[in-house]
Amino acid sequence: MPKPKAPRRPKVALLTLGCAKNLVDSERIASALTNAGVSVTQSLVRADVAVINTCGFIEPAKEEAIDFILDVAARKAKKRLRALVVTGCLSQRYGDELKKLLPEADAFVGVDPAGTAALVLRLLGLPAEPPPAEAVQRSRRLTPRAWSYLPISYGCDNRCAYCAIPLIRGPLCSRPMAALMEEARYLAGHGVRELNVIAQDTSSYGVDTEGRPLLHDLLKELCQIEALAWLRLLYVHPAHVYDELIAVIAGEDKICPYVDLPLQHISDRILEMMGRKVTRRQVEQLIARLRDRIPGLTLRTTFMTGFPGETDAEFEELLQFVRDVRFDRAGCFAYSTEEGTRAAELPDQIPPRVREERCGVLMSTQQEIAFELAAARVGERTLVLMEAEEPGEDDLRPARSRREAPEVDPVIYVAGDDVPQAGEFAHVRIVGSAGYDCIAEVLPEATNEA
């Protein structure tokens, strides 16, 4: 007698837009749903419910999110979905307006992973008691097995004139160090070798709870987790870098000599209008200090063009600064007028076309520098973490060294027949460059250990 078929597990398509912090929120949603017996996928095919985790940081991200919601809503209209749930930053900020604009969606939830998971379970007719947010370990991850993100705080107290993040995620809220260590140990115990420490402003960790920065203490504790090989620090506010933090980055072998220092601009007048709490002289002194004290430093930054009132001369000052400093990595985005921010009320708003043109010019300037720096690495020997199981074009497999952050930086493509598997380390020699990226070959005589 044939065995009866097992009942089909409900299936949820979880679709993530935006930054690494959103990705971690999606991992918490996915983990809670998986623990409840739901199949979670990133494909809409045969899904019962779609969950879209949105970004609402700047206008292009909002437009992308709305277009995406409408595309998924069209699938629901054809009876290919039972329900559509919108969560994340866009929903947090514009939930009431979105309900009127997008009646096709069944629910809008703010930045609340546990609440979102509970709502989805109710829509599926399953028990839905949300656990405390800190209790949800990320058993279901959306990054490759060997690396992950560790968000150490939420919200922000900086109140930069252009930024809507405090309006969306609220003031700085540092997570308890004990909870962070538990999460880091859990991730390390499940294959994570590289942990990327993130927050809106990592350098302010602990200021809200202890009245002083605690990031250096946290990093020292994380370095004690034996299974972790690399720690990387992202989103360090230039006004909040302090000596103990620099000493820890320079002194701990597990911490990548990599600092992500979003500067936004260099004109003193623009920096003051932005509310960045630093001057050009202070920025230059900080960069010199970092490069002097951290051997082999890779310095990443982000700039903004077209802030209200930015003159041609101030933009040229920024361009020359980029040429002079020669950042290893740099990104740029055009200023976006965000309602509710101080900058939205400023006079002399720059036309969007000019903002974008300036952004393009800056990135072209940085591209020349980045290509030269990549070419200059030919002959370098380095340790890399393999990223993909299968070779891509030209039988090359992507990897990253301590100098490349995941998702935002170039990669090192590794050639050869005896390339280690994804998630493993390899000693390589860089033999060429291709634009931003490098090409390397495995050194067969080296042991592939971190």
Protein backbone atom coordinates (compact mmCIF):
# COMPACT_ATOMS: atom_id res chain seq x y z
CA MET A 1 0.00 0.00 0.00
CA PRO A 2 1.59 3.31 -1.05
CA LYS A 3 2.54 5.73 1.70
CA PRO A 4 0.39 8.84 1.91
CA LYS A 5 2.10 11.97 0.63
CA ALA A 6 3.39 14.36 3.26
CA PRO A 7 1.47 17.61 3.31
CA ARG A 8 3.09 20.35 1.27
CA ARG A 9 4.99 22.85 3.40
CA PRO A 10 3.80 26.43 2.94
CA LYS A 11 6.24 28.42 0.84
CA VAL A 12 7.23 32.06 1.34
CA ALA A 13 9.20 34.11 -1.18
CA LEU A 14 11.40 36.54 0.77
CA LEU A 15 12.75 39.31 -1.46
CA THR A 16 15.26 41.82 -0.06
CA LEU A 17 16.12 45.30 -1.31
CA GLY A 18 18.65 47.72 0.16
CA CYS A 19 21.62 47.45 2.47
CA ALA A 20 23.33 44.82 4.60
CA LYS A 21 21.21 45.78 7.61
CA ASN A 22 18.10 44.90 5.60
CA LEU A 23 19.68 41.60 4.63
CA VAL A 24 20.21 40.71 8.29
CA ASP A 25 16.57 41.61 9.04
CA SER A 26 15.53 39.25 6.23
CA GLU A 27 17.69 36.52 7.73
CA ARG A 28 15.84 36.93 11.03
CA ILE A 29 12.49 36.72 9.23
CA ALA A 30 13.64 33.65 7.29
CA SER A 31 14.95 31.96 10.43
CA ALA A 32 11.70 32.47 12.35
CA LEU A 33 9.63 31.17 9.43
CA THR A 34 11.89 28.16 8.87
CA ASN A 35 11.75 27.30 12.56
CA ALA A 36 7.95 27.27 12.24
CA GLY A 37 8.05 24.75 9.39
CA VAL A 38 7.72 27.16 6.47
CA SER A 39 9.79 26.77 3.31
CA VAL A 40 11.57 30.08 2.58
CA THR A 41 12.91 30.87 -0.87
CA GLN A 42 14.05 33.85 -2.92
CA SER A 43 11.91 32.76 -5.86
CA LEU A 44 8.27 33.61 -6.49
CA VAL A 45 7.64 30.31 -8.26
CA ARG A 46 4.91 28.36 -6.40
CA ALA A 47 5.15 30.70 -3.41
CA ASP A 48 2.06 31.11 -1.23
CA VAL A 49 3.09 34.46 0.26
CA ALA A 50 5.59 37.06 -0.92
CA VAL A 51 7.43 39.26 1.58
CA ILE A 52 9.28 42.29 0.21
CA ASN A 53 11.81 43.86 2.57
CA THR A 54 12.17 47.40 1.29
CA CYS A 55 14.69 50.24 1.39
CA GLY A 56 13.53 53.82 1.84
CA PHE A 57 16.84 55.65 2.21
CA ILE A 58 16.89 57.77 -0.97
CA GLU A 59 14.52 58.49 -3.83
CA PRO A 60 15.92 55.95 -6.33
CA ALA A 61 15.62 53.21 -3.69
CA LYS A 62 12.01 54.18 -2.99
CA GLU A 63 11.16 54.16 -6.69
CA GLU A 64 12.79 50.76 -7.12
CA ALA A 65 10.84 49.37 -4.16
CA ILE A 66 7.48 50.64 -5.43
CA ASP A 67 8.12 49.28 -8.93
CA PHE A 68 9.07 45.93 -7.42
CA ILE A 69 5.94 45.83 -5.25
CA LEU A 70 3.77 46.55 -8.28
CA ASP A 71 5.43 43.74 -10.25
CA VAL A 72 4.77 41.25 -7.46
CA ALA A 73 1.24 42.59 -6.98
CA ALA A 74 0.54 41.82 -10.65
CA ARG A 75 1.46 38.21 -9.90
CA LYS A 76 -0.97 38.17 -7.00
CA ALA A 77 -3.71 39.58 -9.24
CA LYS A 78 -3.27 36.53 -11.48
CA LYS A 79 -3.93 34.28 -8.46
CA ARG A 80 -0.30 33.15 -8.30
CA LEU A 81 0.06 34.38 -4.72
CA ARG A 82 -2.22 34.17 -1.72
CA ALA A 83 -0.80 37.25 -0.01
CA LEU A 84 1.73 40.05 -0.35
CA VAL A 85 3.45 41.60 2.69
CA VAL A 86 5.63 44.71 2.52
CA THR A 87 8.10 45.28 5.34
CA GLY A 88 11.27 47.27 6.01
CA CYS A 89 12.31 50.91 5.84
CA LEU A 90 9.91 52.14 3.15
CA SER A 91 6.98 50.59 4.97
CA GLN A 92 8.20 51.99 8.30
CA ARG A 93 8.34 55.52 6.95
CA TYR A 94 5.38 55.61 4.56
CA GLY A 95 3.08 52.83 5.76
CA ASP A 96 -0.13 54.89 5.84
CA GLU A 97 0.47 56.42 2.41
CA LEU A 98 1.43 53.05 0.92
CA LYS A 99 -1.81 51.48 2.10
CA LYS A 100 -3.68 53.98 -0.10
CA LEU A 101 -1.20 53.86 -2.98
CA LEU A 102 -0.81 50.07 -3.07
CA PRO A 103 -4.07 48.41 -1.99
CA GLU A 104 -2.86 45.23 -3.69
CA ALA A 105 -0.64 44.50 -0.68
CA ASP A 106 -2.24 42.68 2.24
CA ALA A 107 -0.13 44.26 4.97
CA PHE A 108 2.58 46.83 5.60
CA VAL A 109 4.95 46.19 8.50
CA GLY A 110 7.75 48.44 9.66
CA VAL A 111 11.29 47.46 10.64
CA ASP A 112 10.23 44.51 12.80
CA PRO A 113 11.55 41.09 11.71
CA ALA A 114 9.83 39.13 14.49
CA GLY A 115 6.51 40.92 13.91
CA THR A 116 6.76 40.38 10.17
CA ALA A 117 7.35 36.65 10.63
CA ALA A 118 4.41 36.41 13.04
CA LEU A 119 2.12 38.19 10.56
CA VAL A 120 3.15 35.86 7.73
CA LEU A 121 2.49 32.82 9.91
CA ARG A 122 -1.01 34.11 10.68
CA LEU A 123 -1.66 34.61 6.96
CA LEU A 124 -0.65 30.98 6.47
CA GLY A 125 -2.94 29.82 9.28
CA LEU A 126 -0.03 28.76 11.52
CA PRO A 127 0.67 29.54 15.20
CA ALA A 128 2.23 32.98 15.39
CA GLU A 129 3.75 34.00 18.70
CA PRO A 130 6.74 36.21 17.86
CA PRO A 131 9.84 35.44 19.95
CA PRO A 132 11.90 38.32 21.39
CA ALA A 133 14.03 39.86 18.65
CA GLU A 134 17.35 38.96 20.31
CA ALA A 135 16.22 35.35 20.71
CA VAL A 136 16.05 34.65 16.97
CA GLN A 137 19.39 33.21 15.95
CA ARG A 138 20.08 33.44 12.26
CA SER A 139 19.75 29.76 11.47
CA ARG A 140 18.74 30.63 7.90
CA ARG A 141 21.28 32.88 6.20
CA LEU A 142 21.19 34.68 2.87
CA THR A 143 24.95 35.20 2.50
CA PRO A 144 27.45 32.49 1.52
CA ARG A 145 28.26 30.10 4.35
CA ALA A 146 31.75 31.45 5.07
CA TRP A 147 30.92 35.08 5.79
CA SER A 148 28.20 37.09 7.45
CA TYR A 149 27.25 40.47 8.91
CA LEU A 150 26.98 41.36 12.59
CA PRO A 151 24.79 44.43 13.24
CA ILE A 152 25.93 45.92 16.56
CA SER A 153 23.41 48.76 16.85
CA TYR A 154 20.34 50.19 15.19
CA GLY A 155 19.32 53.78 14.55
CA CYS A 156 21.59 56.82 14.67
CA ASP A 157 22.11 59.97 16.74
CA ASN A 158 24.20 61.91 14.20
CA ARG A 159 21.25 63.65 12.55
CA CYS A 160 23.10 64.57 9.36
CA ALA A 161 21.11 67.18 7.46
CA TYR A 162 20.44 64.98 4.42
CA CYS A 163 19.74 61.66 6.13
CA ALA A 164 16.34 60.09 6.81
CA ILE A 165 17.68 57.10 8.76
CA PRO A 166 16.85 58.54 12.23
CA LEU A 167 13.31 59.19 10.95
CA ILE A 168 13.06 55.53 9.92
CA ARG A 169 15.06 53.56 12.48
CA GLY A 170 15.09 56.02 15.37
CA PRO A 171 17.94 57.05 17.69
CA LEU A 172 21.06 55.03 18.37
CA CYS A 173 20.30 51.75 20.14
CA SER A 174 23.39 49.65 20.87
CA ARG A 175 22.79 45.92 21.23
CA PRO A 176 23.99 44.25 24.46
CA MET A 177 27.52 42.93 24.14
CA ALA A 178 26.49 39.56 25.57
CA ALA A 179 23.86 39.14 22.83
CA LEU A 180 26.39 40.10 20.16
CA MET A 181 28.92 37.59 21.44
CA GLU A 182 26.26 34.85 21.53
CA GLU A 183 25.26 35.62 17.95
CA ALA A 184 28.88 35.76 16.77
CA ARG A 185 29.67 32.41 18.41
CA TYR A 186 26.57 30.90 16.84
CA LEU A 187 27.58 32.13 13.38
CA ALA A 188 31.17 30.97 13.83
CA GLY A 189 29.91 27.57 14.93
CA HIS A 190 27.93 27.31 11.69
CA GLY A 191 30.77 27.93 9.27
CA VAL A 192 31.30 31.71 9.30
CA ARG A 193 35.00 32.56 8.99
CA GLU A 194 34.63 36.28 8.20
CA LEU A 195 32.40 38.57 10.24
CA ASN A 196 31.62 42.06 8.95
CA VAL A 197 30.67 44.42 11.77
CA ILE A 198 27.97 46.88 10.69
CA ALA A 199 25.74 49.65 12.04
CA GLN A 200 24.67 53.06 10.87
CA ASP A 201 27.70 54.34 12.83
CA THR A 202 29.79 51.51 14.27
CA SER A 203 32.18 53.90 16.03
CA SER A 204 29.37 55.13 18.33
CA TYR A 205 28.64 51.67 19.69
CA GLY A 206 28.05 51.88 23.44
CA VAL A 207 27.73 55.67 23.69
CA ASP A 208 23.99 55.46 24.35
CA THR A 209 24.27 52.74 27.01
CA GLU A 210 27.60 53.45 28.74
CA GLY A 211 28.27 57.06 27.84
CA ARG A 212 31.46 56.14 25.98
CA PRO A 213 32.40 54.18 22.86
CA LEU A 214 32.86 50.45 23.40
CA LEU A 215 33.68 49.29 19.88
CA HIS A 216 37.32 48.56 20.71
CA ASP A 217 36.25 46.36 23.63
CA LEU A 218 33.74 44.49 21.48
CA LEU A 219 36.32 43.87 18.75
CA LYS A 220 38.81 42.48 21.27
CA GLU A 221 36.16 40.08 22.56
CA LEU A 222 35.20 38.98 19.04
CA CYS A 223 38.86 38.24 18.30
CA GLN A 224 38.75 35.58 21.02
CA ILE A 225 36.31 33.44 19.00
CA GLU A 226 38.65 30.81 17.65
CA ALA A 227 36.67 29.82 14.55
CA LEU A 228 36.59 33.39 13.23
CA ALA A 229 39.52 34.18 10.94
CA TRP A 230 38.69 37.70 9.77
CA LEU A 231 36.83 40.63 11.31
CA ARG A 232 36.03 43.66 9.18
CA LEU A 233 34.76 47.04 10.32
CA LEU A 234 32.29 49.01 8.17
CA TYR A 235 30.56 52.43 8.49
CA VAL A 236 32.99 54.28 10.81
CA HIS A 237 31.98 57.93 11.24
CA PRO A 238 35.03 60.21 10.78
CA ALA A 239 34.09 62.35 13.79
CA HIS A 240 34.05 59.36 16.13
CA VAL A 241 37.32 57.53 15.41
CA TYR A 242 39.34 57.31 18.64
CA ASP A 243 42.83 56.16 19.60
CA GLU A 244 41.85 52.92 21.34
CA LEU A 245 39.90 51.86 18.25
CA ILE A 246 42.85 52.53 15.93
CA ALA A 247 45.14 50.60 18.28
CA VAL A 248 42.87 47.55 18.23
CA ILE A 249 42.56 47.55 14.43
CA ALA A 250 46.34 47.85 14.12
CA GLY A 251 47.16 45.35 16.84
CA GLU A 252 44.76 42.44 16.37
CA ASP A 253 45.75 39.98 13.65
CA LYS A 254 42.16 38.87 13.01
CA ILE A 255 40.95 42.41 12.25
CA CYS A 256 41.35 43.25 8.59
CA PRO A 257 43.39 46.44 8.08
CA TYR A 258 40.34 47.94 6.40
CA VAL A 259 38.42 51.06 7.39
CA ASP A 260 35.18 52.19 5.74
CA LEU A 261 35.10 55.93 6.46
CA PRO A 262 32.15 57.67 4.75
CA LEU A 263 33.23 61.30 4.31
CA GLN A 264 30.45 62.67 2.04
CA HIS A 265 32.41 65.85 1.16
CA ILE A 266 35.56 67.81 1.94
CA SER A 267 34.53 71.48 1.64
CA ASP A 268 34.35 72.96 5.14
CA ARG A 269 31.20 74.90 4.27
CA ILE A 270 29.41 71.86 2.89
CA LEU A 271 30.55 69.64 5.77
CA GLU A 272 29.14 72.15 8.24
CA MET A 273 25.83 72.40 6.38
CA MET A 274 25.65 68.61 6.27
CA GLY A 275 26.22 68.40 10.03
CA ARG A 276 29.19 66.06 9.65
CA LYS A 277 31.01 67.37 12.79
CA VAL A 278 34.43 67.44 11.10
CA THR A 279 36.50 69.91 9.11
CA ARG A 280 38.73 69.27 6.11
CA ARG A 281 41.82 69.62 8.29
CA GLN A 282 40.49 67.08 10.78
CA VAL A 283 39.69 64.63 7.97
CA GLU A 284 43.17 64.97 6.48
CA GLN A 285 44.78 64.50 9.90
CA LEU A 286 42.63 61.42 10.54
CA ILE A 287 43.53 59.82 7.20
CA ALA A 288 47.23 60.46 7.86
CA ARG A 289 46.90 58.93 11.34
CA LEU A 290 45.10 55.85 10.05
CA ARG A 291 47.62 55.25 7.27
CA ASP A 292 50.54 55.81 9.63
CA ARG A 293 49.31 53.50 12.41
CA ILE A 294 47.58 50.67 10.51
CA PRO A 295 50.06 48.75 8.32
CA GLY A 296 48.70 47.88 4.88
CA LEU A 297 45.51 49.88 5.40
CA THR A 298 42.75 49.70 2.80
CA LEU A 299 40.66 52.86 3.00
CA ARG A 300 37.13 52.99 1.65
CA THR A 301 34.87 56.04 1.56
CA THR A 302 31.62 57.40 0.15
CA PHE A 303 30.89 60.85 -1.25
CA MET A 304 27.78 62.84 -2.06
CA THR A 305 27.48 65.28 -4.95
CA GLY A 306 24.93 68.03 -5.46
CA PHE A 307 24.19 68.87 -1.83
CA PRO A 308 22.14 72.10 -1.71
CA GLY A 309 24.35 75.08 -2.46
CA GLU A 310 27.35 73.09 -3.65
CA THR A 311 29.23 75.40 -6.02
CA ASP A 312 31.35 74.42 -9.01
CA ALA A 313 34.42 75.42 -6.98
CA GLU A 314 33.42 73.23 -4.04
CA PHE A 315 32.82 70.27 -6.33
CA GLU A 316 36.23 70.83 -7.93
CA GLU A 317 37.74 70.93 -4.43
CA LEU A 318 36.19 67.53 -3.78
CA LEU A 319 37.51 66.16 -7.07
CA GLN A 320 41.03 67.34 -6.33
CA PHE A 321 40.84 65.80 -2.87
CA VAL A 322 39.94 62.45 -4.44
CA ARG A 323 42.90 62.76 -6.82
CA ASP A 324 45.29 63.65 -4.01
CA VAL A 325 44.25 61.07 -1.40
CA ARG A 326 43.86 58.13 -3.81
CA PHE A 327 41.36 56.09 -1.85
CA ASP A 328 41.58 52.34 -2.35
CA ARG A 329 37.80 52.18 -2.70
CA ALA A 330 35.27 54.97 -3.12
CA GLY A 331 31.58 55.16 -3.93
CA CYS A 332 29.39 58.14 -4.72
CA PHE A 333 25.71 58.94 -4.81
CA ALA A 334 23.89 62.03 -5.92
CA TYR A 335 22.10 63.99 -3.21
CA SER A 336 18.44 63.04 -2.81
CA THR A 337 15.94 65.51 -1.37
CA GLU A 338 14.31 63.64 1.52
CA GLU A 339 11.23 65.10 3.17
CA GLY A 340 11.56 65.68 6.89
CA THR A 341 15.31 66.34 6.70
CA ARG A 342 16.93 69.73 7.30
CA ALA A 343 18.59 69.69 3.89
CA ALA A 344 15.22 69.48 2.14
CA GLU A 345 14.42 72.96 3.45
CA LEU A 346 17.71 74.55 2.37
CA PRO A 347 17.79 77.10 -0.48
CA ASP A 348 19.79 76.62 -3.67
CA GLN A 349 18.72 73.04 -4.37
CA ILE A 350 20.89 71.70 -7.19
CA PRO A 351 19.02 70.38 -10.24
CA PRO A 352 18.95 66.55 -10.27
CA ARG A 353 20.70 66.46 -13.64
CA VAL A 354 23.66 68.40 -12.24
CA ARG A 355 23.82 66.20 -9.14
CA GLU A 356 24.03 63.09 -11.32
CA GLU A 357 26.56 64.62 -13.72
CA ARG A 358 28.86 65.52 -10.84
CA CYS A 359 28.51 62.04 -9.41
CA GLY A 360 29.51 60.57 -12.77
CA VAL A 361 32.56 62.82 -13.04
CA LEU A 362 33.71 61.91 -9.55
CA MET A 363 33.32 58.18 -10.21
CA SER A 364 35.22 58.49 -13.49
CA THR A 365 38.05 60.16 -11.59
CA GLN A 366 38.02 57.43 -8.95
CA GLN A 367 37.86 54.75 -11.64
CA GLU A 368 41.21 55.83 -13.06
CA ILE A 369 42.76 55.66 -9.60
CA ALA A 370 41.18 52.27 -8.83
CA PHE A 371 42.37 50.77 -12.13
CA GLU A 372 45.92 51.99 -11.44
CA LEU A 373 45.88 50.59 -7.89
CA ALA A 374 44.60 47.22 -9.14
CA ALA A 375 47.32 47.03 -11.80
CA ALA A 376 49.95 47.91 -9.19
CA ARG A 377 49.06 44.76 -7.21
CA VAL A 378 50.46 42.43 -9.88
CA GLY A 379 53.07 40.24 -8.21
CA GLU A 380 51.48 40.55 -4.75
CA ARG A 381 50.99 37.37 -2.73
CA THR A 382 47.92 37.30 -0.53
CA LEU A 383 45.42 35.08 1.26
CA VAL A 384 41.90 34.94 -0.19
CA LEU A 385 38.55 33.53 0.84
CA MET A 386 36.91 31.67 -2.04
CA GLU A 387 33.41 32.92 -2.90
CA ALA A 388 31.86 30.53 -5.42
CA GLU A 389 31.70 26.76 -5.95
CA GLU A 390 31.61 26.79 -9.73
CA PRO A 391 33.98 28.66 -12.05
CA GLY A 392 32.52 31.52 -14.02
CA GLU A 393 33.61 33.02 -17.31
CA ASP A 394 37.10 31.90 -18.45
CA ASP A 395 37.16 29.29 -15.64
CA LEU A 396 37.83 31.96 -13.02
CA ARG A 397 36.45 31.79 -9.50
CA PRO A 398 35.79 34.94 -7.45
CA ALA A 399 37.54 35.43 -4.13
CA ARG A 400 38.34 38.24 -1.71
CA SER A 401 41.38 39.14 0.34
CA ARG A 402 41.44 41.15 3.56
CA ARG A 403 41.38 44.24 1.30
CA GLU A 404 37.94 43.54 -0.24
CA ALA A 405 34.64 43.82 1.63
CA PRO A 406 31.81 41.61 0.38
CA GLU A 407 29.20 42.92 -2.06
CA VAL A 408 30.60 46.48 -2.40
CA ASP A 409 34.23 45.97 -3.46
CA PRO A 410 36.00 44.45 -6.45
CA VAL A 411 37.03 40.79 -6.36
CA ILE A 412 40.10 38.69 -7.09
CA TYR A 413 39.43 36.09 -9.79
CA VAL A 414 41.41 32.91 -9.18
CA ALA A 415 42.49 30.69 -12.06
CA GLY A 416 43.73 27.13 -12.05
CA ASP A 417 42.60 23.52 -11.80
CA ASP A 418 43.33 23.03 -8.11
CA VAL A 419 41.31 25.92 -6.68
CA PRO A 420 39.88 25.35 -3.17
CA GLN A 421 36.13 25.17 -2.66
CA ALA A 422 33.90 28.07 -1.70
CA GLY A 423 34.38 29.01 1.93
CA GLU A 424 37.98 27.85 1.98
CA PHE A 425 41.12 29.97 2.06
CA ALA A 426 43.82 29.98 -0.60
CA HIS A 427 47.24 31.58 -0.89
CA VAL A 428 47.47 33.21 -4.31
CA ARG A 429 49.72 35.40 -6.41
CA ILE A 430 48.12 38.25 -8.36
CA VAL A 431 49.14 37.90 -12.00
CA GLY A 432 46.97 40.52 -13.69
CA SER A 433 44.17 43.04 -13.42
CA ALA A 434 40.93 43.66 -15.27
CA GLY A 435 39.57 47.10 -14.47
CA TYR A 436 38.71 47.20 -10.78
CA ASP A 437 39.34 43.47 -10.31
CA CYS A 438 42.50 41.39 -10.03
CA ILE A 439 43.37 37.98 -11.48
CA ALA A 440 45.39 35.48 -9.45
CA GLU A 441 46.70 31.94 -9.45
CA VAL A 442 46.93 29.56 -6.52
CA LEU A 443 50.34 29.04 -4.97
CA PRO A 444 50.50 25.24 -4.76
CA GLU A 445 53.26 25.14 -2.17
CA ALA A 446 51.27 27.17 0.38
CA THR A 447 48.91 25.76 2.98
CA ASN A 448 45.43 27.14 2.59
CA GLU A 449 44.78 28.19 6.17
CA ALA A 450 43.74 31.59 7.43
